[in-house]
Amino acid sequence: MSQGPKTAVTNLNVLLPLAYALAVVATASLASGTATTVVAVGGGVLLGLWFAFGRRATRG
């Protein structure tokens, strides 16, 4: 029996980039430029690692 398609709410390929963008915007609004840079670079690296390796592990 096949499963139905994932919705955007349950799809990490949609949720993670949205969370990353929200974190960068929130940090830019509330903190210094250095903090924004750290969040943007760190989040970008983690997001890149997810798309490079994490998706494979969750596909089964």
N, C-alpha and C. Protein backbone atom coordinates (compact mmCIF):
# COMPACT_ATOMS: atom_id res chain seq x y z
N MET A 1 0.83 -1.17 0.00
CA MET A 1 0.00 0.00 0.00
C MET A 1 0.89 1.25 0.00
N SER A 2 0.68 2.15 -0.93
CA SER A 2 1.51 3.34 -1.01
C SER A 2 0.94 4.44 -0.13
N GLN A 3 1.82 5.29 0.32
CA GLN A 3 1.41 6.41 1.15
C GLN A 3 1.12 7.60 0.26
N GLY A 4 0.25 8.46 0.72
CA GLY A 4 -0.06 9.66 -0.03
C GLY A 4 1.09 10.65 0.03
N PRO A 5 1.07 11.66 -0.81
CA PRO A 5 2.15 12.65 -0.81
C PRO A 5 2.17 13.45 0.49
N LYS A 6 3.36 13.87 0.88
CA LYS A 6 3.49 14.69 2.08
C LYS A 6 2.96 16.09 1.79
N THR A 7 2.34 16.67 2.78
CA THR A 7 1.92 18.05 2.64
C THR A 7 3.09 18.95 3.04
N ALA A 8 2.97 20.21 2.74
CA ALA A 8 4.05 21.15 3.08
C ALA A 8 4.26 21.24 4.58
N VAL A 9 3.22 21.00 5.35
CA VAL A 9 3.32 21.10 6.81
C VAL A 9 4.19 19.98 7.38
N THR A 10 4.20 18.83 6.74
CA THR A 10 4.97 17.69 7.26
C THR A 10 6.24 17.43 6.47
N ASN A 11 6.53 18.24 5.49
CA ASN A 11 7.69 18.01 4.63
C ASN A 11 8.87 18.85 5.13
N LEU A 12 9.92 18.18 5.62
CA LEU A 12 11.09 18.90 6.13
C LEU A 12 11.80 19.69 5.04
N ASN A 13 11.66 19.30 3.79
CA ASN A 13 12.29 20.04 2.70
C ASN A 13 11.66 21.42 2.52
N VAL A 14 10.49 21.61 3.08
CA VAL A 14 9.83 22.92 3.07
C VAL A 14 10.02 23.62 4.42
N LEU A 15 9.85 22.87 5.49
CA LEU A 15 9.89 23.47 6.83
C LEU A 15 11.27 24.00 7.22
N LEU A 16 12.32 23.27 6.90
CA LEU A 16 13.66 23.71 7.31
C LEU A 16 14.08 25.02 6.64
N PRO A 17 13.91 25.20 5.33
CA PRO A 17 14.24 26.51 4.75
C PRO A 17 13.38 27.65 5.30
N LEU A 18 12.11 27.37 5.58
CA LEU A 18 11.26 28.41 6.16
C LEU A 18 11.74 28.80 7.56
N ALA A 19 12.10 27.80 8.36
CA ALA A 19 12.61 28.08 9.71
C ALA A 19 13.92 28.85 9.64
N TYR A 20 14.77 28.50 8.69
CA TYR A 20 16.05 29.19 8.50
C TYR A 20 15.80 30.66 8.14
N ALA A 21 14.92 30.90 7.19
CA ALA A 21 14.63 32.28 6.78
C ALA A 21 14.04 33.08 7.94
N LEU A 22 13.15 32.46 8.70
CA LEU A 22 12.56 33.14 9.86
C LEU A 22 13.62 33.47 10.90
N ALA A 23 14.56 32.54 11.13
CA ALA A 23 15.62 32.78 12.11
C ALA A 23 16.53 33.93 11.67
N VAL A 24 16.85 34.00 10.39
CA VAL A 24 17.70 35.08 9.89
C VAL A 24 16.99 36.42 10.01
N VAL A 25 15.73 36.47 9.62
CA VAL A 25 14.97 37.73 9.68
C VAL A 25 14.79 38.17 11.13
N ALA A 26 14.47 37.24 12.02
CA ALA A 26 14.28 37.59 13.43
C ALA A 26 15.58 38.09 14.04
N THR A 27 16.68 37.42 13.72
CA THR A 27 17.98 37.85 14.26
C THR A 27 18.37 39.21 13.70
N ALA A 28 18.12 39.43 12.43
CA ALA A 28 18.45 40.72 11.83
C ALA A 28 17.63 41.84 12.46
N SER A 29 16.40 41.54 12.84
CA SER A 29 15.53 42.55 13.43
C SER A 29 15.89 42.85 14.88
N LEU A 30 16.34 41.83 15.60
CA LEU A 30 16.48 41.97 17.05
C LEU A 30 17.92 42.02 17.56
N ALA A 31 18.89 41.66 16.74
CA ALA A 31 20.26 41.55 17.24
C ALA A 31 21.23 42.32 16.35
N SER A 32 22.50 42.19 16.66
CA SER A 32 23.53 42.92 15.94
C SER A 32 23.85 42.25 14.60
N GLY A 33 24.63 42.93 13.80
CA GLY A 33 25.05 42.38 12.51
C GLY A 33 25.90 41.14 12.66
N THR A 34 26.72 41.09 13.70
CA THR A 34 27.56 39.91 13.93
C THR A 34 26.71 38.69 14.25
N ALA A 35 25.70 38.88 15.09
CA ALA A 35 24.81 37.76 15.43
C ALA A 35 24.05 37.28 14.19
N THR A 36 23.63 38.22 13.37
CA THR A 36 22.93 37.85 12.14
C THR A 36 23.84 37.06 11.21
N THR A 37 25.09 37.46 11.12
CA THR A 37 26.05 36.74 10.29
C THR A 37 26.25 35.33 10.79
N VAL A 38 26.38 35.17 12.09
CA VAL A 38 26.58 33.84 12.68
C VAL A 38 25.37 32.95 12.39
N VAL A 39 24.17 33.48 12.58
CA VAL A 39 22.96 32.70 12.32
C VAL A 39 22.84 32.36 10.83
N ALA A 40 23.12 33.32 9.98
CA ALA A 40 23.00 33.08 8.54
C ALA A 40 24.00 32.04 8.04
N VAL A 41 25.26 32.18 8.46
CA VAL A 41 26.29 31.23 8.00
C VAL A 41 26.07 29.86 8.63
N GLY A 42 25.87 29.83 9.94
CA GLY A 42 25.66 28.54 10.61
C GLY A 42 24.43 27.82 10.10
N GLY A 43 23.34 28.54 9.95
CA GLY A 43 22.12 27.93 9.43
C GLY A 43 22.26 27.49 7.99
N GLY A 44 22.96 28.28 7.20
CA GLY A 44 23.18 27.91 5.80
C GLY A 44 23.99 26.62 5.67
N VAL A 45 25.01 26.49 6.50
CA VAL A 45 25.83 25.27 6.49
C VAL A 45 24.99 24.07 6.92
N LEU A 46 24.23 24.22 8.01
CA LEU A 46 23.39 23.12 8.47
C LEU A 46 22.32 22.75 7.45
N LEU A 47 21.73 23.74 6.82
CA LEU A 47 20.73 23.47 5.80
C LEU A 47 21.35 22.77 4.59
N GLY A 48 22.54 23.19 4.21
CA GLY A 48 23.24 22.52 3.13
C GLY A 48 23.57 21.07 3.46
N LEU A 49 23.99 20.83 4.69
CA LEU A 49 24.26 19.45 5.11
C LEU A 49 22.99 18.61 5.10
N TRP A 50 21.88 19.21 5.51
CA TRP A 50 20.60 18.47 5.47
C TRP A 50 20.26 18.06 4.04
N PHE A 51 20.36 19.00 3.09
CA PHE A 51 20.01 18.68 1.72
C PHE A 51 21.03 17.74 1.07
N ALA A 52 22.26 17.76 1.55
CA ALA A 52 23.27 16.86 1.00
C ALA A 52 23.17 15.45 1.57
N PHE A 53 22.90 15.32 2.87
CA PHE A 53 22.98 14.01 3.51
C PHE A 53 21.71 13.62 4.27
N GLY A 54 21.03 14.53 4.91
CA GLY A 54 19.91 14.20 5.77
C GLY A 54 18.71 13.64 5.05
N ARG A 55 18.44 14.15 3.85
CA ARG A 55 17.29 13.66 3.10
C ARG A 55 17.43 12.19 2.74
N ARG A 56 18.65 11.77 2.45
CA ARG A 56 18.87 10.36 2.09
C ARG A 56 18.52 9.44 3.24
N ALA A 57 18.87 9.83 4.45
CA ALA A 57 18.62 8.99 5.62
C ALA A 57 17.13 8.88 5.93
N THR A 58 16.35 9.89 5.60
CA THR A 58 14.93 9.85 5.94
C THR A 58 14.09 9.21 4.84
N ARG A 59 14.66 8.95 3.69
CA ARG A 59 13.87 8.36 2.60
C ARG A 59 13.58 6.88 2.85
N GLY A 60 14.47 6.23 3.61
CA GLY A 60 14.25 4.83 3.93
C GLY A 60 14.77 3.98 2.89
